[in-house]
Every structure is written in C-alpha cells, then in structure tokens.
C-alpha cells in the first residue's frame, strides 16, 4: 500500500503520538533531582529478574496444593480444590503441585510466600491488576506511573553502562489488550531513557540490537541523525521540556551504544551450549529465562521475563484449566529450576534476586474474595460432566503464591499460609503489593523515602511512601 506521504504530513500524523509521550513524562528536571534521598542504603542485590506468570496462576494448582480430587463425570464442582496430585519438594513437609518437580528441588535456595493478597479493584480485569502489580499504584492515576524496573533504572542506573538497565522479554503489544499493557510498560514521568528495552520474542532477540540486513554503520548513523531532526520538528521538539527531549535523546544513544558493543552477544542464544539450550528450550518463556541468565552475566539491572498475557491463553484459564496448566507447567518447570541452578553455580545468585509472581490466583467457585465477591465472569456448572470444566476458572485474589530467590532472601523458607478448605484464603502473615515492592527495593539498597514532586505533590515508589519491606524474608 502506497500512502505517498510528504515529510510535513508525516510530522502532523506523529504529533498526537508525541503529545501522548509528553503527557507520560512531564516532570520538572530540577524537582527530579531534588527529592531523592542522598544516601543509598546497604544492598544485598544488584540485579532483579522478575518471572511473571501473566494471566492468573492458581495457587492451589501450583505452589500451594490442597486436597486432590481426580476428574470423574458427574462430580460436584464444590468438591474440587486441586486437580493435580501433591508432590514432595526438597523441603520437609512442603509439597508442590504435580508437574513442578524441578522447581520443588531448588526450593532450598529460596523462599516460598503463600499469603500474597491482591487488591480489591472492583470488576476484575487482568491489565488493571497487572498495572497495579508492576507499578504498585491502582489505576487510573492522574500521572503516568513508572514501572518497577524504571524506578531501579533511574535510581541505580545500569550495572554495565552498555546493557539497558530495564529489559522486558516475552510480551507482545499487538495482541489482546495491547494499549492497556503499554500503559504500565513505561517509565512514566521519569522519562524515556528509563523505559524498557523490549524483546517480544527471545528467539529473535539478536535482531533487537542489530540493524536490518543491508544496513551499514554509516547508513545507520545517517538514519539516527534524521530521526533526531524529525523529533526536533515534532510536537515533542516544540512543546516538550528540555528534560523530556534529553531523556528521549539519551534513550536513542543507549540503544546505539549497545548495537556496537561486544555485550550484544548476550542476546544471541545460539552461542549457548546445546545441552544447556535444550533444557531451557520449552518455548518463548523458557528461552526468555536463558536470555535473562546471559544478560545477568553481562551486567543487567532489571529483567522481566513473562509467560505473556493474551486473553484466554496461557494462565488465563477461563476453561480447560487442568489441561491448560499441564502444558504451562511444562513450559516453566525446567527453565526456572535451571536458571536458579545456573545462577547459584556461577556465584551470581547471591547478588541476583529472582521473583516469580502473578497478578492474582484462581478458584473453581469464588470470583474475587470472600466478603468482596465481584460479578462472576465464568459460568461454572454445579455438576461437572466435561473435562473442560475441570480446573480453576474464576479469578481469586485472597491467596496467591510468590517465589523469591537470591539477593539476600532466606533459603528454604516458607512465609505465610492459606486455608486448606475453600475459600483457600490467606490466614497467616498476609502480604500486599506495597510490602512486596519495598522488600525488593530494600534488597537493592533503595531508600523507601525515594520520591519526586509531580503535580505539586511527592510521588513515592509505593503509594504515599507507606510500603515497608518484610524483613522476615531476609537471611
């Protein structure tokens, strides 16, 4: 299709996008530099890897199994608490759900949280809860809120100046709720240079850091200069603050620096020994874990690897819950266990915190939580006649599992507890998102008082600066 646009037409068409970017990051640079605490606290970690199970991972089907009830036609749905058998882990008395045997055998290297409680956000929408999990703020907000990785990029900077400090692996933005996903994959008011370096597919990761075929270095530099000129003549160039324009320019310079560096080989998975590659090669997520391991070796700061959110796929089990989770476990079990073993064997686990989490859990019957039940989004028959109705299909927010490894976290530790009978909610040591975020920030030595003045009010890493690290998780 040939639009035959003139340069001026192109600039007009891109003005709206530029203005949207300005709205996402409009701080006053003097204020940005003025409000952060001057002293960095003692840290136990340099790097964070977030393994995000997008879509709602059922705790009773993964890391917190309950009574197992095998499928049979004519069974009552209220009987079903877990659709998989419990299997032992390396920790005495602690079981995981069948299919997660490999992760179970490395739990002596980390902590299991069984009492994460997700927020009450009304009618449950995945991207609202994912926004809340990644930013710590409930949507909507009057300002563009930075992703957790962007806070780290801004406050701590890169470990290796060549490697982008915030790398996001595995999420496409051309599927499902693409615009909603983009809303929290952002540095928000911190500026473009602290946003994520996006790698939607790790199998083509090297393509993210090299010019197209036939693009010479000289030609690439010419294009880079043209892009800078276009920005100058766009709405960003005309109306954006000096901070915004400089931030955008620095983000371009960082990408260019990576392109010409030997560190770019971290994105080339073909360089990994075949026997190790084959363990990780369970799909996009598994290879994302492999790329994360390679990026830690090269000095990454924050890496997110996601199973990818796409409505009604992956962990988003509105039907066929048991069958779907059988496949999802095959995708995550071996790669996650190998990632932890590789980091431990290389000595990097001590300074690398690995967090596995999901936006909420699932249950056969309860939508939301007891006492704060919301409208059912899935029809669950009282009597199950078909295998597609066997599984956890409703969203449950009152008991979720989180795994944490390395970076000063206790080894072989279990935190919190959920009830053994429905509703399988948190009954000991409930922990919410602000505490979880501050626990991660604390490991990195980030002061809980970190804030910037936005719209004439301080904006903290956690709402109103009230989040407190859970010290019982640290060794």
Protein backbone atom coordinates (compact mmCIF):
# COMPACT_ATOMS: atom_id res chain seq x y z
CA UNK A 1 0.00 0.00 0.00
CA UNK A 2 1.48 3.36 -1.03
CA UNK A 3 0.42 6.37 1.04
CA UNK A 4 2.84 8.77 -0.69
CA UNK A 5 3.06 10.98 2.41
CA UNK A 6 5.12 14.14 2.36
CA UNK A 7 7.50 14.83 5.26
CA UNK A 8 5.21 17.54 6.64
CA UNK A 9 2.25 15.14 6.53
CA UNK A 10 4.27 12.58 8.43
CA UNK A 11 5.10 15.09 11.14
CA UNK A 12 1.44 16.00 11.51
CA UNK A 13 0.47 12.35 11.80
CA UNK A 14 3.07 11.75 14.53
CA UNK A 15 2.20 14.86 16.57
CA UNK A 16 -0.56 13.11 18.50
CA UNK A 17 1.79 10.31 19.49
CA UNK A 18 4.43 12.81 20.56
CA UNK A 19 1.96 14.69 22.74
CA UNK A 20 0.91 11.42 24.35
CA UNK A 21 4.55 10.68 25.14
CA UNK A 22 4.91 14.14 26.66
CA UNK A 23 1.93 13.51 28.90
CA UNK A 24 3.55 10.28 30.03
CA UNK A 25 6.69 12.03 31.16
CA UNK A 26 6.37 15.66 32.13
CA UNK A 27 8.44 16.24 35.27
CA UNK A 28 10.48 19.28 36.05
CA UNK A 29 14.08 18.13 35.93
CA UNK A 30 15.13 20.24 38.91
CA UNK A 31 12.49 18.53 41.01
CA UNK A 32 13.53 15.12 39.72
CA UNK A 33 16.99 15.73 41.07
CA UNK A 34 15.90 17.28 44.32
CA UNK A 35 13.66 14.79 46.10
CA UNK A 36 15.55 11.50 46.03
CA UNK A 37 17.37 10.63 49.27
CA UNK A 38 21.06 11.41 49.02
CA UNK A 39 22.32 8.21 50.59
CA UNK A 40 21.92 4.73 49.18
CA UNK A 41 21.33 2.05 51.78
CA UNK A 42 23.34 -1.15 52.09
CA UNK A 43 22.22 -3.57 49.39
CA UNK A 44 22.04 -7.36 49.21
CA UNK A 45 21.30 -7.47 45.46
CA UNK A 46 22.48 -5.75 42.29
CA UNK A 47 20.03 -7.29 39.83
CA UNK A 48 16.40 -8.39 39.78
CA UNK A 49 14.81 -10.97 37.48
CA UNK A 50 11.01 -10.92 37.53
CA UNK A 51 9.41 -14.12 36.21
CA UNK A 52 5.85 -13.02 35.60
CA UNK A 53 3.09 -15.59 35.18
CA UNK A 54 0.68 -13.34 33.29
CA UNK A 55 -2.98 -14.32 33.35
CA UNK A 56 -3.60 -15.51 36.90
CA UNK A 57 -1.71 -18.56 38.21
CA UNK A 58 -3.84 -20.68 40.56
CA UNK A 59 -2.01 -21.20 43.86
CA UNK A 60 -3.82 -24.47 44.63
CA UNK A 61 -2.65 -25.87 41.29
CA UNK A 62 0.99 -24.81 41.58
CA UNK A 63 2.87 -23.97 44.79
CA UNK A 64 0.14 -24.42 47.43
CA UNK A 65 -1.76 -27.64 46.62
CA UNK A 66 -4.84 -28.70 48.54
CA UNK A 67 -6.88 -31.91 48.58
CA UNK A 68 -6.66 -33.62 45.19
CA UNK A 69 -9.90 -34.70 43.53
CA UNK A 70 -9.47 -36.61 40.24
CA UNK A 71 -11.82 -35.93 37.36
CA UNK A 72 -14.95 -38.00 37.01
CA UNK A 73 -18.17 -37.31 35.18
CA UNK A 74 -20.96 -36.24 37.50
CA UNK A 75 -18.68 -34.80 40.19
CA UNK A 76 -19.77 -31.68 42.08
CA UNK A 77 -17.70 -28.57 41.31
CA UNK A 78 -17.58 -27.64 45.01
CA UNK A 79 -15.53 -30.80 45.64
CA UNK A 80 -12.60 -29.51 43.58
CA UNK A 81 -9.75 -27.77 45.39
CA UNK A 82 -6.80 -29.11 43.37
CA UNK A 83 -6.86 -31.00 40.09
CA UNK A 84 -3.28 -32.24 40.43
CA UNK A 85 -1.65 -34.53 42.97
CA UNK A 86 0.71 -33.03 45.51
CA UNK A 87 4.38 -33.97 45.09
CA UNK A 88 7.19 -33.51 47.65
CA UNK A 89 9.80 -30.78 47.37
CA UNK A 90 13.31 -30.71 48.79
CA UNK A 91 11.84 -29.04 51.90
CA UNK A 92 10.44 -31.42 54.52
CA UNK A 93 6.65 -31.29 54.69
CA UNK A 94 6.30 -28.83 51.79
CA UNK A 95 4.57 -30.05 48.65
CA UNK A 96 4.07 -28.57 45.21
CA UNK A 97 1.56 -29.49 42.57
CA UNK A 98 2.39 -32.31 40.17
CA UNK A 99 4.33 -31.03 37.18
CA UNK A 100 6.57 -28.69 39.18
CA UNK A 101 9.02 -31.28 40.45
CA UNK A 102 12.11 -29.46 39.16
CA UNK A 103 11.26 -26.18 40.88
CA UNK A 104 10.46 -28.16 44.02
CA UNK A 105 14.01 -29.47 44.08
CA UNK A 106 15.60 -26.00 44.18
CA UNK A 107 13.41 -24.55 46.95
CA UNK A 108 16.28 -24.98 49.40
CA UNK A 109 17.76 -21.98 47.56
CA UNK A 110 14.83 -19.59 48.12
CA UNK A 111 11.65 -18.59 49.93
CA UNK A 112 8.05 -19.55 49.23
CA UNK A 113 5.40 -16.94 50.03
CA UNK A 114 1.95 -18.50 50.33
CA UNK A 115 0.00 -15.48 51.52
CA UNK A 116 0.18 -12.74 48.90
CA UNK A 117 -3.13 -10.84 48.81
CA UNK A 118 -4.05 -8.95 45.64
CA UNK A 119 -6.00 -5.68 45.75
CA UNK A 120 -9.76 -5.18 45.51
CA UNK A 121 -10.11 -3.29 42.23
CA UNK A 122 -13.79 -3.96 41.61
CA UNK A 123 -14.72 -5.86 38.45
CA UNK A 124 -11.61 -7.93 37.79
CA UNK A 125 -9.65 -7.08 34.65
CA UNK A 126 -6.24 -8.59 34.09
CA UNK A 127 -4.47 -5.46 32.89
CA UNK A 128 -5.78 -3.40 35.84
CA UNK A 129 -4.27 -5.90 38.26
CA UNK A 130 -1.11 -6.21 36.19
CA UNK A 131 -0.77 -2.42 36.20
CA UNK A 132 -1.14 -2.50 39.98
CA UNK A 133 1.40 -5.31 40.39
CA UNK A 134 4.09 -3.69 38.22
CA UNK A 135 3.68 -0.08 39.42
CA UNK A 136 2.24 -0.55 42.95
CA UNK A 137 -0.44 2.03 42.08
CA UNK A 138 -4.12 1.33 41.44
CA UNK A 139 -5.32 2.55 38.04
CA UNK A 140 -6.35 5.04 36.90
CA UNK A 141 -3.83 7.67 38.02
CA UNK A 142 -3.59 11.35 37.10
CA UNK A 143 0.06 10.86 36.12
CA UNK A 144 1.88 8.18 34.15
CA UNK A 145 3.28 5.89 36.85
CA UNK A 146 6.71 4.30 36.37
CA UNK A 147 7.14 0.55 36.17
CA UNK A 148 9.16 -1.02 39.00
CA UNK A 149 12.03 -1.58 36.57
CA UNK A 150 12.06 2.11 35.66
CA UNK A 151 12.45 3.15 39.29
CA UNK A 152 15.51 0.92 39.50
CA UNK A 153 16.89 2.24 36.21
CA UNK A 154 16.50 5.84 37.41
CA UNK A 155 17.73 5.43 40.97
CA UNK A 156 20.52 2.90 40.47
CA UNK A 157 21.46 3.25 36.82
CA UNK A 158 22.92 0.37 34.82
CA UNK A 159 25.28 -2.19 36.29
CA UNK A 160 27.05 -2.19 32.92
CA UNK A 161 26.58 1.12 31.05
CA UNK A 162 26.25 -0.74 27.73
CA UNK A 163 23.39 -3.03 28.83
CA UNK A 164 19.97 -1.30 29.13
CA UNK A 165 19.07 -1.16 32.84
CA UNK A 166 15.46 -2.31 32.21
CA UNK A 167 14.83 -5.18 29.79
CA UNK A 168 11.42 -6.72 29.16
CA UNK A 169 11.28 -10.14 27.47
CA UNK A 170 8.31 -12.03 26.08
CA UNK A 171 5.35 -9.63 25.87
CA UNK A 172 3.95 -8.58 22.51
CA UNK A 173 1.80 -5.46 22.31
CA UNK A 174 -0.06 -6.47 19.17
CA UNK A 175 -2.34 -8.99 20.90
CA UNK A 176 -5.36 -8.67 23.16
CA UNK A 177 -5.27 -5.62 25.41
CA UNK A 178 -2.20 -4.10 23.79
CA UNK A 179 -2.82 -0.47 24.74
CA UNK A 180 -3.56 -1.36 28.36
CA UNK A 181 -0.35 -3.39 28.53
CA UNK A 182 1.65 -0.48 27.16
CA UNK A 183 0.29 1.76 29.95
CA UNK A 184 2.45 0.14 32.61
CA UNK A 185 5.38 -0.94 30.44
CA UNK A 186 6.61 2.60 30.74
CA UNK A 187 8.95 4.85 32.69
CA UNK A 188 6.08 7.30 33.06
CA UNK A 189 7.15 10.68 34.40
CA UNK A 190 10.77 9.51 34.86
CA UNK A 191 11.44 9.85 31.12
CA UNK A 192 12.02 7.67 28.06
CA UNK A 193 15.60 6.69 28.86
CA UNK A 194 14.37 4.70 31.88
CA UNK A 195 11.74 2.77 29.94
CA UNK A 196 12.04 -0.89 28.96
CA UNK A 197 14.19 -2.30 26.20
CA UNK A 198 11.56 -4.56 24.64
CA UNK A 199 12.25 -8.04 23.31
CA UNK A 200 8.86 -9.55 22.41
CA UNK A 201 10.38 -12.84 21.26
CA UNK A 202 13.70 -14.12 22.67
CA UNK A 203 14.18 -16.40 19.65
CA UNK A 204 14.81 -13.25 17.61
CA UNK A 205 16.47 -11.31 20.41
CA UNK A 206 19.62 -10.51 18.48
CA UNK A 207 17.51 -8.76 15.85
CA UNK A 208 16.54 -6.26 18.55
CA UNK A 209 20.10 -4.98 18.80
CA UNK A 210 21.40 -5.01 15.23
CA UNK A 211 20.48 -3.06 12.09
CA UNK A 212 18.37 -4.70 9.36
CA UNK A 213 20.17 -6.75 6.69
CA UNK A 214 21.98 -4.42 4.30
CA UNK A 215 22.13 -1.52 6.76
CA UNK A 216 25.72 -0.30 7.01
CA UNK A 217 27.00 1.52 10.09
CA UNK A 218 27.30 4.75 8.11
CA UNK A 219 23.74 4.47 6.84
CA UNK A 220 22.50 3.67 10.35
CA UNK A 221 24.19 6.83 11.69
CA UNK A 222 22.51 8.87 8.94
CA UNK A 223 19.13 7.44 9.91
CA UNK A 224 19.81 8.21 13.54
CA UNK A 225 20.53 11.84 12.66
CA UNK A 226 17.35 12.01 10.55
CA UNK A 227 15.34 10.68 13.49
CA UNK A 228 16.78 13.39 15.75
CA UNK A 229 15.81 16.02 13.18
CA UNK A 230 12.27 14.65 12.98
CA UNK A 231 11.94 14.84 16.75
CA UNK A 232 13.06 18.47 16.73
CA UNK A 233 10.26 19.34 14.30
CA UNK A 234 7.62 17.27 16.11
CA UNK A 235 5.35 18.29 18.97
CA UNK A 236 7.95 16.88 21.38
CA UNK A 237 10.60 19.18 19.93
CA UNK A 238 8.33 22.19 20.01
CA UNK A 239 6.49 21.74 23.31
CA UNK A 240 8.43 19.13 25.28
CA UNK A 241 10.56 20.15 28.22
CA UNK A 242 14.34 20.07 28.00
CA UNK A 243 14.26 17.08 30.34
CA UNK A 244 11.91 15.14 28.05
CA UNK A 245 13.90 15.88 24.93
CA UNK A 246 17.20 15.00 26.60
CA UNK A 247 15.71 11.80 28.03
CA UNK A 248 14.49 10.70 24.60
CA UNK A 249 17.86 11.50 23.06
CA UNK A 250 19.73 9.56 25.74
CA UNK A 251 17.49 6.52 25.20
CA UNK A 252 18.45 6.57 21.49
CA UNK A 253 22.13 6.92 22.35
CA UNK A 254 21.96 3.95 24.74
CA UNK A 255 20.44 1.76 22.04
CA UNK A 256 23.15 2.83 19.59
CA UNK A 257 25.90 2.11 22.12
CA UNK A 258 24.56 -1.42 22.70
CA UNK A 259 24.35 -2.05 18.97
CA UNK A 260 28.10 -1.56 18.58
CA UNK A 261 29.20 -3.40 21.71
CA UNK A 262 30.52 -6.95 22.27
CA UNK A 263 27.90 -7.29 25.03
CA UNK A 264 25.24 -7.61 22.31
CA UNK A 265 26.23 -11.29 22.11
CA UNK A 266 24.16 -11.84 25.27
CA UNK A 267 21.08 -11.68 23.05
CA UNK A 268 22.37 -14.41 20.70
CA UNK A 269 21.05 -17.65 22.20
CA UNK A 270 22.76 -19.72 19.51
CA UNK A 271 26.03 -19.18 21.41
CA UNK A 272 24.75 -21.22 24.35
CA UNK A 273 25.99 -24.85 24.56
CA UNK A 274 23.38 -27.18 23.03
CA UNK A 275 22.90 -29.32 26.15
CA UNK A 276 22.07 -26.21 28.21
CA UNK A 277 19.98 -24.64 25.43
CA UNK A 278 17.84 -27.78 25.19
CA UNK A 279 16.92 -27.61 28.88
CA UNK A 280 15.66 -24.04 28.50
CA UNK A 281 14.00 -24.63 25.12
CA UNK A 282 10.41 -25.21 26.25
CA UNK A 283 9.09 -22.23 24.28
CA UNK A 284 9.34 -18.44 24.44
CA UNK A 285 9.26 -18.31 28.22
CA UNK A 286 11.97 -20.90 28.69
CA UNK A 287 14.27 -19.18 26.21
CA UNK A 288 13.48 -15.88 27.92
CA UNK A 289 14.89 -17.40 31.12
CA UNK A 290 18.02 -18.38 29.21
CA UNK A 291 18.40 -14.86 27.86
CA UNK A 292 17.92 -13.47 31.37
CA UNK A 293 20.76 -15.67 32.62
CA UNK A 294 23.02 -14.44 29.82
CA UNK A 295 22.08 -10.81 30.48
CA UNK A 296 22.92 -11.15 34.18
CA UNK A 297 26.35 -12.40 33.11
CA UNK A 298 26.78 -9.17 31.10
CA UNK A 299 25.60 -6.84 33.87
CA UNK A 300 21.85 -6.26 33.59
CA UNK A 301 19.96 -4.39 36.32
CA UNK A 302 16.29 -5.41 35.95
CA UNK A 303 14.95 -8.11 33.62
CA UNK A 304 11.31 -9.10 33.29
CA UNK A 305 10.52 -12.44 31.63
CA UNK A 306 6.82 -13.04 31.14
CA UNK A 307 4.77 -16.01 30.01
CA UNK A 308 2.93 -13.26 28.07
CA UNK A 309 -0.59 -12.05 28.64
CA UNK A 310 -3.02 -12.79 25.86
CA UNK A 311 -6.73 -13.10 26.77
CA UNK A 312 -7.94 -16.70 27.20
CA UNK A 313 -4.48 -18.16 26.66
CA UNK A 314 -1.65 -19.27 28.93
CA UNK A 315 -2.51 -18.85 32.62
CA UNK A 316 -5.77 -17.06 31.71
CA UNK A 317 -7.77 -20.24 32.29
CA UNK A 318 -11.43 -19.44 31.77
CA UNK A 319 -11.93 -23.06 30.70
CA UNK A 320 -9.87 -26.24 30.34
CA UNK A 321 -7.98 -25.22 33.47
CA UNK A 322 -6.48 -28.63 34.22
CA UNK A 323 -5.45 -29.32 30.63
CA UNK A 324 -4.01 -25.82 30.17
CA UNK A 325 -1.95 -25.94 33.35
CA UNK A 326 -0.48 -29.29 32.38
CA UNK A 327 1.05 -27.53 29.38
CA UNK A 328 2.00 -24.34 31.25
CA UNK A 329 3.96 -26.31 33.84
CA UNK A 330 5.95 -28.00 31.09
CA UNK A 331 6.89 -24.53 29.82
CA UNK A 332 8.13 -23.17 33.16
CA UNK A 333 9.34 -26.04 35.38
CA UNK A 334 12.69 -26.99 33.85
CA UNK A 335 13.77 -23.47 32.72
CA UNK A 336 13.11 -21.81 36.09
CA UNK A 337 14.89 -24.56 38.01
CA UNK A 338 17.85 -24.40 35.60
CA UNK A 339 18.02 -20.61 35.85
CA UNK A 340 18.32 -20.79 39.64
CA UNK A 341 20.91 -23.58 39.45
CA UNK A 342 22.97 -21.74 36.84
CA UNK A 343 22.94 -18.51 38.84
CA UNK A 344 23.87 -20.38 42.01
CA UNK A 345 26.69 -22.33 40.38
CA UNK A 346 28.17 -19.16 38.86
CA UNK A 347 28.01 -17.37 42.22
CA UNK A 348 25.63 -14.73 40.84
CA UNK A 349 22.53 -15.81 42.80
CA UNK A 350 23.88 -14.14 45.95
CA UNK A 351 23.52 -10.73 44.27
CA UNK A 352 20.62 -11.54 41.92
CA UNK A 353 17.07 -11.55 43.26
CA UNK A 354 14.65 -13.73 41.28
CA UNK A 355 10.92 -13.19 41.87
CA UNK A 356 8.14 -15.38 40.45
CA UNK A 357 4.63 -13.92 40.70
CA UNK A 358 1.23 -13.49 39.05
CA UNK A 359 -1.45 -10.78 39.27
CA UNK A 360 -3.84 -13.00 41.28
CA UNK A 361 -4.82 -16.63 41.80
CA UNK A 362 -7.84 -18.69 40.72
CA UNK A 363 -10.59 -20.79 42.26
CA UNK A 364 -13.34 -23.07 40.98
CA UNK A 365 -16.15 -21.10 42.64
CA UNK A 366 -15.11 -17.75 44.16
CA UNK A 367 -14.74 -14.65 41.97
CA UNK A 368 -12.76 -12.02 43.92
CA UNK A 369 -12.59 -12.93 47.58
CA UNK A 370 -14.92 -13.79 50.47
CA UNK A 371 -16.55 -10.57 51.67
CA UNK A 372 -15.57 -8.74 48.50
CA UNK A 373 -17.03 -11.01 45.86
CA UNK A 374 -17.48 -9.48 42.41
CA UNK A 375 -19.56 -10.41 39.39
CA UNK A 376 -18.84 -13.89 38.08
CA UNK A 377 -17.13 -13.83 34.68
CA UNK A 378 -17.22 -17.58 34.08
CA UNK A 379 -20.17 -19.95 34.19
CA UNK A 380 -19.27 -22.94 36.37
CA UNK A 381 -21.77 -25.80 36.40
CA UNK A 382 -22.71 -27.35 39.74
CA UNK A 383 -22.16 -30.79 38.22
CA UNK A 384 -19.11 -31.37 36.02
CA UNK A 385 -19.70 -33.61 33.02
CA UNK A 386 -16.96 -32.32 30.71
CA UNK A 387 -13.18 -32.15 31.27
CA UNK A 388 -13.19 -28.53 30.04
CA UNK A 389 -14.99 -27.53 33.25
CA UNK A 390 -12.41 -29.26 35.47
CA UNK A 391 -9.98 -26.65 36.76
CA UNK A 392 -9.67 -23.24 38.40
CA UNK A 393 -11.53 -20.84 36.11
CA UNK A 394 -12.52 -17.89 38.29
CA UNK A 395 -10.28 -15.05 39.49
CA UNK A 396 -9.31 -15.29 43.17
CA UNK A 397 -7.45 -12.50 44.98
CA UNK A 398 -7.24 -13.62 48.61
CA UNK A 399 -4.41 -16.15 48.43
CA UNK A 400 -1.56 -16.18 45.92
CA UNK A 401 1.90 -17.75 45.80
CA UNK A 402 5.17 -15.88 45.18
CA UNK A 403 8.66 -17.40 44.97
CA UNK A 404 11.81 -15.43 45.80
CA UNK A 405 15.43 -16.50 45.37
CA UNK A 406 18.82 -14.88 45.94
CA UNK A 407 19.70 -11.27 46.68
CA UNK A 408 19.75 -11.79 50.44
CA UNK A 409 16.49 -13.77 50.63
CA UNK A 410 16.34 -16.69 53.08
CA UNK A 411 16.94 -20.17 51.74
CA UNK A 412 14.50 -23.00 52.42
CA UNK A 413 11.97 -20.62 53.99
CA UNK A 414 8.15 -20.68 53.90
CA UNK A 415 6.26 -17.48 54.64
CA UNK A 416 2.51 -17.31 55.33
CA UNK A 417 -0.27 -19.84 54.98
CA UNK A 418 -3.64 -20.30 53.28
CA UNK A 419 -6.66 -22.28 54.48
CA UNK A 420 -6.85 -25.94 53.49
CA UNK A 421 -10.58 -25.71 52.76
CA UNK A 422 -12.46 -23.35 50.45
CA UNK A 423 -12.09 -20.44 50.43
CA UNK A 424 -8.34 -21.17 50.37
CA UNK A 425 -7.51 -17.65 51.52
CA UNK A 426 -4.50 -16.24 53.38
CA UNK A 427 -4.81 -16.92 57.10
CA UNK A 428 -1.25 -16.24 58.32
CA UNK A 429 1.06 -13.30 57.52
CA UNK A 430 -0.85 -11.77 54.61
CA UNK A 431 1.44 -9.63 52.45
CA UNK A 432 0.34 -6.99 49.93
CA UNK A 433 1.98 -5.37 46.94
CA UNK A 434 3.48 -2.34 48.71
CA UNK A 435 5.37 -4.59 51.13
CA UNK A 436 6.49 -6.85 48.31
CA UNK A 437 7.80 -3.90 46.27
CA UNK A 438 9.63 -2.38 49.22
CA UNK A 439 11.17 -5.76 50.01
CA UNK A 440 12.64 -5.82 46.51
CA UNK A 441 13.74 -2.17 46.70
CA UNK A 442 15.28 -2.79 50.13
CA UNK A 443 17.43 -5.60 48.70
CA UNK A 444 18.75 -3.14 46.11
CA UNK A 445 19.53 -0.52 48.75
CA UNK A 446 16.82 1.91 47.62
CA UNK A 447 15.51 4.21 50.33
CA UNK A 448 11.73 3.86 50.99
CA UNK A 449 11.55 7.66 51.10
CA UNK A 450 12.56 7.94 47.43
CA UNK A 451 10.14 10.35 45.74
CA UNK A 452 9.77 13.07 43.12
CA UNK A 453 7.47 16.05 43.14
CA UNK A 454 4.81 15.59 40.46
CA UNK A 455 1.77 17.88 40.17
CA UNK A 456 2.95 19.64 43.34
CA UNK A 457 2.90 16.50 45.46
CA UNK A 458 5.54 13.90 46.34
CA UNK A 459 5.27 10.69 44.35
CA UNK A 460 6.88 7.67 46.03
CA UNK A 461 7.89 4.21 44.86
CA UNK A 462 4.92 2.92 46.86
CA UNK A 463 1.70 4.91 47.48
CA UNK A 464 2.36 7.76 49.93
CA UNK A 465 5.62 6.05 50.89
CA UNK A 466 3.77 3.71 53.25
CA UNK A 467 5.19 0.44 51.95
CA UNK A 468 7.53 -1.38 54.35
CA UNK A 469 9.93 -4.20 53.49
CA UNK A 470 9.13 -7.59 55.02
CA UNK A 471 12.38 -8.24 56.87
CA UNK A 472 11.39 -11.79 57.82
CA UNK A 473 12.14 -12.76 54.20
CA UNK A 474 15.81 -11.77 54.50
CA UNK A 475 18.56 -14.04 55.76
